[in-house]
Amino acid sequence: MKKSSDNQQITLQHIADELQLSLCTVSQAISGKGRVSAKTRERVRQVAQELGFEPNAMAQRLAHGGEDKSIALFALYLDLGVVTRKLQLLQRALHERGYNAPIHAFGDHVGSIDVNQAELLRNLRRLRPKAIILNVDKLNDAAVGEMRQYIKKGGHVVTYDVPVDLACDKVLFDRGQNTYTAMRHLLDLGHREIGFYVGSWPVAGKSPRLAGLKNALAEFNAPLLQDWLDFSEDVNNFEYQPDKDLGTQLAEYYLSLKRRPSAMCLVDDVMALAFINTVLAHGLRVPEDVSVIGHDDLPFIRTFGLTTVSQPVLTITNKVVELLMDRLEGGYAGPPRTRTVHGELRVRHSTAPHRSLRAGKKVLSQSI
């Protein structure tokens, strides 16, 4: 009997052919179902082991009615920051409670046109997890329909970060308030011409970050710099050097301007650090020549002295797990609930009063 090579997938049909049995008999012997003699069952299992057969654990679970402790974590993309960190924290918290929580992540940027959301979620719900935790910035109608079918058949869904048109438990992160807080900090320091990048939502559409930015500017009667709005639209449409780091692109655009903003509000900390590193390399000083504020406050960022507005990832993931456990283990069967989480300003060394008001501030004078 020849054992399979490393690249050959042994199937039940291979075992059936080896023993000259029917595929049905082999399947029943492997699964433990059906009226198969103990002798035949033992022969099948022995040959399966000798051939190197590995049963499909997911298929076996489905065959037994999907009764396990599997919770699917679904995201349309991964990053080097908060998206991935939240998935890691969720996976760890669920594992500690005895649940298997595989991560299903697809696409390389938010709203990728290459991603068929409905097909992905249809395949996911067919795996019959006990619950699905969704992290998506937007869900199209077909995908919403798939999730409604899953809920209708008894599945539990929790979404987090942004609102989704689905009747389920939600944990929302107030991005509008976060950006308002960041802009308000710069405005309080006397800055009035402020460059920005508000993220991956279409800038002309309903962007909570853009709304927060505009609200802060309006309170101080400060202008919205249209050139930065136009630049953000180009970046969101992937028309401006999509193969280059976005923070570097923003810095190069900033350096190309004859009239440069005195401050920058950037949507995440990794982007802000890339921006700072690039302008420092061209002889500018932070915050003397330009103040920079980021968003998220990931742990490794704090050593760089970056002023930022936090995204409380641990609070978000804890609330997601709390809502889900209420349903899976606490017996809660009531209407959907929504929890909203806010960030906090963390002032460090990358922002300072406008040069007309400055009375001395620590300067980031070396490349990060």
Protein backbone atom coordinates (compact mmCIF):
# COMPACT_ATOMS: atom_id res chain seq x y z
CA MET A 1 0.00 0.00 0.00
CA LYS A 2 1.44 3.36 -1.05
CA LYS A 3 1.11 6.26 1.35
CA SER A 4 0.18 9.63 -0.12
CA SER A 5 2.83 12.16 -1.08
CA ASP A 6 2.89 15.49 0.72
CA ASN A 7 1.03 17.26 -2.08
CA GLN A 8 -1.64 14.60 -2.66
CA GLN A 9 -4.99 15.00 -0.92
CA ILE A 10 -6.29 11.59 0.13
CA THR A 11 -10.07 11.31 -0.09
CA LEU A 12 -12.66 8.78 1.00
CA GLN A 13 -12.73 7.54 -2.60
CA HIS A 14 -9.05 6.54 -2.36
CA ILE A 15 -9.86 4.44 0.72
CA ALA A 16 -12.91 2.90 -0.97
CA ASP A 17 -10.84 1.96 -4.02
CA GLU A 18 -8.11 0.44 -1.86
CA LEU A 19 -10.57 -1.75 0.06
CA GLN A 20 -12.98 -2.29 -2.85
CA LEU A 21 -15.84 -0.98 -0.77
CA SER A 22 -18.56 1.52 -1.61
CA LEU A 23 -18.01 5.19 -0.88
CA CYS A 24 -21.07 5.16 1.38
CA THR A 25 -19.67 2.31 3.50
CA VAL A 26 -16.33 4.07 3.93
CA SER A 27 -18.03 7.35 4.83
CA GLN A 28 -20.18 5.66 7.47
CA ALA A 29 -17.18 3.83 8.89
CA ILE A 30 -15.19 7.05 9.24
CA SER A 31 -18.07 9.05 10.69
CA GLY A 32 -19.24 6.33 13.06
CA LYS A 33 -22.71 6.38 11.58
CA GLY A 34 -24.66 3.71 9.73
CA ARG A 35 -24.81 -0.06 10.10
CA VAL A 36 -21.20 -1.01 9.47
CA SER A 37 -19.65 -4.02 11.19
CA ALA A 38 -16.95 -3.47 13.75
CA LYS A 39 -14.51 -5.46 11.62
CA THR A 40 -15.14 -3.35 8.50
CA ARG A 41 -15.01 -0.16 10.51
CA GLU A 42 -11.62 -1.13 11.91
CA ARG A 43 -10.28 -2.07 8.44
CA VAL A 44 -11.36 1.28 7.03
CA ARG A 45 -9.77 3.24 9.85
CA GLN A 46 -6.54 1.28 9.58
CA VAL A 47 -6.25 1.88 5.83
CA ALA A 48 -7.16 5.53 6.27
CA GLN A 49 -4.31 5.91 8.74
CA GLU A 50 -1.85 4.08 6.50
CA LEU A 51 -2.76 6.25 3.51
CA GLY A 52 -2.45 9.42 5.54
CA PHE A 53 -6.11 10.38 5.32
CA GLU A 54 -7.01 13.50 7.32
CA PRO A 55 -10.75 14.03 7.83
CA ASN A 56 -12.16 17.49 7.15
CA ALA A 57 -13.01 18.75 10.64
CA MET A 58 -15.44 21.34 9.28
CA ALA A 59 -17.30 18.75 7.22
CA GLN A 60 -17.54 16.45 10.21
CA ARG A 61 -18.97 19.27 12.29
CA LEU A 62 -21.60 20.01 9.67
CA ALA A 63 -22.49 16.33 9.48
CA HIS A 64 -23.18 16.36 13.20
CA GLY A 65 -25.46 19.39 12.99
CA GLY A 66 -22.93 22.14 13.61
CA GLU A 67 -23.02 21.70 17.38
CA ASP A 68 -19.74 23.16 18.54
CA LYS A 69 -18.36 26.38 20.04
CA SER A 70 -17.25 28.15 16.90
CA ILE A 71 -17.58 31.93 16.55
CA ALA A 72 -16.51 33.49 13.25
CA LEU A 73 -14.65 36.80 13.19
CA PHE A 74 -15.27 38.52 9.85
CA ALA A 75 -13.40 41.54 8.47
CA LEU A 76 -12.93 42.83 4.94
CA TYR A 77 -9.28 43.70 5.48
CA LEU A 78 -6.37 43.65 7.89
CA ASP A 79 -3.98 46.46 8.74
CA LEU A 80 -0.92 47.21 10.87
CA GLY A 81 -3.03 48.89 13.54
CA VAL A 82 -6.37 48.84 15.29
CA VAL A 83 -8.31 46.56 12.88
CA THR A 84 -5.96 43.65 13.42
CA ARG A 85 -5.47 44.44 17.11
CA LYS A 86 -9.21 44.21 17.78
CA LEU A 87 -9.43 40.86 16.01
CA GLN A 88 -6.53 39.55 18.09
CA LEU A 89 -8.16 40.71 21.33
CA LEU A 90 -11.52 39.21 20.36
CA GLN A 91 -9.93 35.91 19.43
CA ARG A 92 -8.03 35.76 22.72
CA ALA A 93 -11.06 36.69 24.85
CA LEU A 94 -13.26 34.09 23.15
CA HIS A 95 -10.57 31.43 23.39
CA GLU A 96 -10.34 32.04 27.14
CA ARG A 97 -14.08 31.32 27.32
CA GLY A 98 -13.69 28.02 25.48
CA TYR A 99 -14.69 29.17 21.99
CA ASN A 100 -12.93 28.58 18.69
CA ALA A 101 -12.77 31.95 16.88
CA PRO A 102 -11.19 31.76 13.41
CA ILE A 103 -10.57 35.04 11.58
CA HIS A 104 -12.02 35.41 8.08
CA ALA A 105 -10.44 38.47 6.43
CA PHE A 106 -10.64 39.42 2.76
CA GLY A 107 -9.51 42.19 0.41
CA ASP A 108 -6.66 44.66 0.71
CA HIS A 109 -8.50 47.91 1.42
CA VAL A 110 -11.82 49.12 2.73
CA GLY A 111 -14.69 48.65 0.29
CA SER A 112 -12.59 46.69 -2.18
CA ILE A 113 -14.51 46.29 -5.45
CA ASP A 114 -12.92 42.86 -5.78
CA VAL A 115 -14.75 41.52 -2.73
CA ASN A 116 -18.15 39.87 -3.16
CA GLN A 117 -19.53 40.44 0.33
CA ALA A 118 -22.68 38.38 -0.16
CA GLU A 119 -20.80 35.33 -1.42
CA LEU A 120 -18.29 35.50 1.41
CA LEU A 121 -20.98 35.78 4.06
CA ARG A 122 -23.10 33.09 2.41
CA ASN A 123 -20.18 30.68 2.58
CA LEU A 124 -19.52 31.73 6.15
CA ARG A 125 -23.06 31.14 7.40
CA ARG A 126 -23.07 27.72 5.72
CA LEU A 127 -20.35 26.74 8.17
CA ARG A 128 -22.97 27.23 10.90
CA PRO A 129 -20.94 29.05 13.54
CA LYS A 130 -22.79 29.78 16.76
CA ALA A 131 -22.19 33.49 16.14
CA ILE A 132 -20.60 35.89 13.67
CA ILE A 133 -18.78 39.05 14.77
CA LEU A 134 -18.65 41.57 11.92
CA ASN A 135 -16.17 44.38 11.37
CA VAL A 136 -17.18 46.06 8.11
CA ASP A 137 -17.35 49.74 7.17
CA LYS A 138 -20.31 49.12 4.89
CA LEU A 139 -22.44 46.14 4.02
CA ASN A 140 -24.31 46.05 0.70
CA ASP A 141 -27.93 44.94 0.42
CA ALA A 142 -27.13 41.40 -0.70
CA ALA A 143 -24.70 40.91 2.19
CA VAL A 144 -27.26 42.28 4.67
CA GLY A 145 -29.71 39.75 3.26
CA GLU A 146 -27.30 36.91 3.97
CA MET A 147 -26.89 38.03 7.57
CA ARG A 148 -30.64 38.36 8.02
CA GLN A 149 -31.04 34.77 6.82
CA TYR A 150 -28.41 33.68 9.33
CA ILE A 151 -30.16 35.51 12.19
CA LYS A 152 -33.56 34.17 11.11
CA LYS A 153 -32.23 30.62 11.46
CA GLY A 154 -31.04 31.26 15.00
CA GLY A 155 -27.55 32.66 14.51
CA HIS A 156 -26.21 35.53 16.60
CA VAL A 157 -24.50 38.57 15.06
CA VAL A 158 -22.59 41.40 16.72
CA THR A 159 -21.15 44.25 14.67
CA TYR A 160 -18.62 46.77 15.91
CA ASP A 161 -17.00 50.11 15.04
CA VAL A 162 -19.47 51.61 12.53
CA PRO A 163 -23.26 51.40 12.06
CA VAL A 164 -24.55 48.59 9.86
CA ASP A 165 -28.16 48.30 8.64
CA LEU A 166 -28.81 45.09 10.53
CA ALA A 167 -31.01 44.32 13.53
CA CYS A 168 -28.33 42.99 15.87
CA ASP A 169 -26.21 44.01 18.83
CA LYS A 170 -23.71 46.76 17.98
CA VAL A 171 -20.68 48.40 19.56
CA LEU A 172 -20.07 51.75 17.86
CA PHE A 173 -16.90 53.81 17.97
CA ASP A 174 -17.66 57.53 17.62
CA ARG A 175 -15.19 58.54 14.91
CA GLY A 176 -16.89 61.88 14.41
CA GLN A 177 -16.28 62.84 18.03
CA ASN A 178 -12.69 61.59 17.78
CA THR A 179 -11.90 63.84 14.83
CA TYR A 180 -13.75 66.75 16.44
CA THR A 181 -11.57 66.32 19.55
CA ALA A 182 -8.37 66.25 17.47
CA MET A 183 -9.31 69.36 15.48
CA ARG A 184 -10.51 71.18 18.58
CA HIS A 185 -7.10 70.60 20.18
CA LEU A 186 -5.32 72.18 17.20
CA LEU A 187 -7.77 75.08 17.08
CA ASP A 188 -7.38 75.72 20.80
CA LEU A 189 -3.64 76.01 20.14
CA GLY A 190 -4.32 78.87 17.72
CA HIS A 191 -4.04 76.99 14.42
CA ARG A 192 -6.50 78.06 11.76
CA GLU A 193 -5.07 76.63 8.52
CA ILE A 194 -5.14 72.90 9.17
CA GLY A 195 -4.42 70.16 6.65
CA PHE A 196 -6.08 66.79 7.08
CA TYR A 197 -6.82 63.31 5.89
CA VAL A 198 -10.10 61.93 7.22
CA GLY A 199 -9.92 58.33 6.10
CA SER A 200 -11.28 55.84 3.67
CA TRP A 201 -14.94 56.82 3.49
CA PRO A 202 -15.81 58.68 0.29
CA VAL A 203 -15.07 62.28 1.21
CA ALA A 204 -18.11 63.59 -0.63
CA GLY A 205 -20.40 61.15 1.17
CA LYS A 206 -21.39 60.59 4.77
CA SER A 207 -18.08 60.61 6.57
CA PRO A 208 -18.33 60.84 10.38
CA ARG A 209 -14.72 62.02 10.59
CA LEU A 210 -15.30 64.76 8.03
CA ALA A 211 -18.43 65.84 9.90
CA GLY A 212 -16.48 66.10 13.15
CA LEU A 213 -13.75 68.07 11.41
CA LYS A 214 -16.23 70.53 9.91
CA ASN A 215 -18.04 70.99 13.23
CA ALA A 216 -14.82 71.97 14.97
CA LEU A 217 -13.82 74.39 12.20
CA ALA A 218 -17.24 76.01 12.26
CA GLU A 219 -17.00 76.71 16.00
CA PHE A 220 -13.83 78.75 15.39
CA ASN A 221 -14.92 80.22 12.05
CA ALA A 222 -11.84 78.58 10.51
CA PRO A 223 -11.70 77.66 6.82
CA LEU A 224 -12.01 74.14 5.41
CA LEU A 225 -8.96 73.82 3.17
CA GLN A 226 -10.41 72.68 -0.14
CA ASP A 227 -7.07 71.54 -1.55
CA TRP A 228 -6.76 68.94 1.21
CA LEU A 229 -10.33 67.83 0.60
CA ASP A 230 -9.51 67.39 -3.11
CA PHE A 231 -6.30 65.54 -2.29
CA SER A 232 -8.20 63.20 0.06
CA GLU A 233 -10.70 62.43 -2.69
CA ASP A 234 -7.86 61.53 -5.05
CA VAL A 235 -6.33 59.21 -2.47
CA ASN A 236 -9.69 57.59 -1.67
CA ASN A 237 -10.17 56.91 -5.39
CA PHE A 238 -6.69 55.37 -5.55
CA GLU A 239 -5.62 57.81 -8.23
CA TYR A 240 -2.54 59.09 -6.41
CA GLN A 241 0.47 56.74 -6.14
CA PRO A 242 -1.43 53.80 -4.62
CA ASP A 243 1.81 51.83 -4.28
CA LYS A 244 3.33 54.36 -1.84
CA ASP A 245 2.76 54.71 1.90
CA LEU A 246 -0.10 57.15 2.44
CA GLY A 247 1.64 59.10 5.22
CA THR A 248 4.59 59.69 2.89
CA GLN A 249 2.26 60.80 0.09
CA LEU A 250 0.61 63.30 2.41
CA ALA A 251 4.00 64.65 3.50
CA GLU A 252 5.21 65.02 -0.08
CA TYR A 253 2.06 66.89 -0.98
CA TYR A 254 2.50 69.10 2.08
CA LEU A 255 6.12 69.86 1.12
CA SER A 256 5.07 70.77 -2.43
CA LEU A 257 2.79 73.60 -1.25
CA LYS A 258 3.91 77.21 -1.27
CA ARG A 259 1.52 78.00 1.58
CA ARG A 260 1.67 75.17 4.06
CA PRO A 261 -0.82 74.56 6.89
CA SER A 262 0.58 75.13 10.36
CA ALA A 263 -0.96 71.87 11.60
CA MET A 264 -2.05 68.46 10.30
CA CYS A 265 -4.87 66.19 11.50
CA LEU A 266 -4.29 62.62 10.26
CA VAL A 267 -6.61 59.67 10.57
CA ASP A 268 -4.25 57.19 12.23
CA ASP A 269 -0.98 57.14 14.12
CA VAL A 270 1.06 55.04 11.68
CA MET A 271 0.21 57.52 8.94
CA ALA A 272 1.09 60.42 11.23
CA LEU A 273 4.50 58.95 12.04
CA ALA A 274 5.27 58.45 8.34
CA PHE A 275 4.27 62.06 7.70
CA ILE A 276 6.49 63.32 10.53
CA ASN A 277 9.46 61.22 9.47
CA THR A 278 9.25 62.55 5.90
CA VAL A 279 9.00 66.24 6.79
CA LEU A 280 11.81 65.91 9.35
CA ALA A 281 13.99 64.36 6.66
CA HIS A 282 13.40 67.53 4.58
CA GLY A 283 14.58 69.84 7.34
CA LEU A 284 11.29 70.83 8.96
CA ARG A 285 10.71 70.68 12.70
CA VAL A 286 7.79 69.19 14.58
CA PRO A 287 5.96 70.93 16.21
CA GLU A 288 7.75 74.25 15.55
CA ASP A 289 7.09 74.26 11.79
CA VAL A 290 4.06 71.99 11.77
CA SER A 291 1.99 70.43 14.56
CA VAL A 292 0.77 66.89 13.91
CA ILE A 293 -2.02 64.96 15.64
CA GLY A 294 -2.96 61.36 14.94
CA HIS A 295 -5.67 58.91 15.95
CA ASP A 296 -5.71 55.54 17.78
CA ASP A 297 -2.99 55.69 20.50
CA LEU A 298 -1.63 52.20 19.94
CA PRO A 299 0.86 51.21 22.68
CA PHE A 300 4.01 51.41 20.53
CA ILE A 301 3.08 54.95 19.40
CA ARG A 302 3.46 56.40 22.87
CA THR A 303 7.26 56.19 22.81
CA PHE A 304 7.40 58.61 19.86
CA GLY A 305 5.78 61.54 21.65
CA LEU A 306 2.88 61.74 19.21
CA THR A 307 -0.21 63.69 20.26
CA THR A 308 -3.24 61.61 19.37
CA VAL A 309 -6.86 60.79 20.19
CA SER A 310 -7.28 57.27 21.49
CA GLN A 311 -9.34 54.50 20.04
CA PRO A 312 -10.13 52.33 23.08
CA VAL A 313 -9.73 48.95 21.40
CA LEU A 314 -9.89 46.97 24.63
CA THR A 315 -13.13 48.65 25.69
CA ILE A 316 -14.62 47.98 22.25
CA THR A 317 -13.70 44.29 22.21
CA ASN A 318 -14.76 43.76 25.82
CA LYS A 319 -18.20 45.19 25.07
CA VAL A 320 -18.53 42.98 21.97
CA VAL A 321 -17.75 39.88 24.00
CA GLU A 322 -20.07 41.01 26.81
CA LEU A 323 -23.04 41.47 24.46
CA LEU A 324 -22.42 38.13 22.77
CA MET A 325 -21.96 36.16 25.99
CA ASP A 326 -25.23 37.63 27.28
CA ARG A 327 -26.96 35.84 24.43
CA LEU A 328 -24.92 32.64 24.25
CA GLU A 329 -24.52 31.99 27.97
CA GLY A 330 -26.64 34.52 29.87
CA GLY A 331 -29.99 33.70 28.34
CA TYR A 332 -30.65 37.20 27.03
CA ALA A 333 -33.13 37.08 24.14
CA GLY A 334 -34.31 40.67 24.06
CA PRO A 335 -34.11 43.33 21.34
CA PRO A 336 -30.79 44.44 19.81
CA ARG A 337 -28.63 46.71 21.95
CA THR A 338 -26.17 49.45 20.98
CA ARG A 339 -23.14 50.57 22.97
CA THR A 340 -21.18 53.69 21.93
CA VAL A 341 -17.52 54.18 22.83
CA HIS A 342 -15.53 57.43 22.80
CA GLY A 343 -11.81 58.17 22.63
CA GLU A 344 -9.72 60.60 24.68
CA LEU A 345 -7.12 63.23 23.80
CA ARG A 346 -3.51 62.27 24.61
CA VAL A 347 -1.32 65.38 24.46
CA ARG A 348 2.40 64.76 23.93
CA HIS A 349 5.18 66.55 22.01
CA SER A 350 4.05 66.68 18.37
CA THR A 351 1.66 69.62 18.82
CA ALA A 352 2.35 73.15 20.06
CA PRO A 353 0.66 76.57 19.99
CA HIS A 354 0.71 78.40 16.69
CA ARG A 355 3.99 80.25 16.13
CA SER A 356 2.25 83.56 16.85
CA LEU A 357 1.34 82.30 20.34
CA ARG A 358 4.22 79.98 21.13
CA ALA A 359 5.98 80.42 24.45
CA GLY A 360 8.31 77.41 24.14
CA LYS A 361 7.62 73.76 23.53
CA LYS A 362 9.67 70.56 23.22
CA VAL A 363 10.61 69.92 19.58
CA LEU A 364 10.91 66.65 17.66
CA SER A 365 14.14 67.49 15.86
CA GLN A 366 15.36 64.00 14.98
CA SER A 367 13.99 61.55 12.45
CA ILE A 368 11.73 58.87 13.92
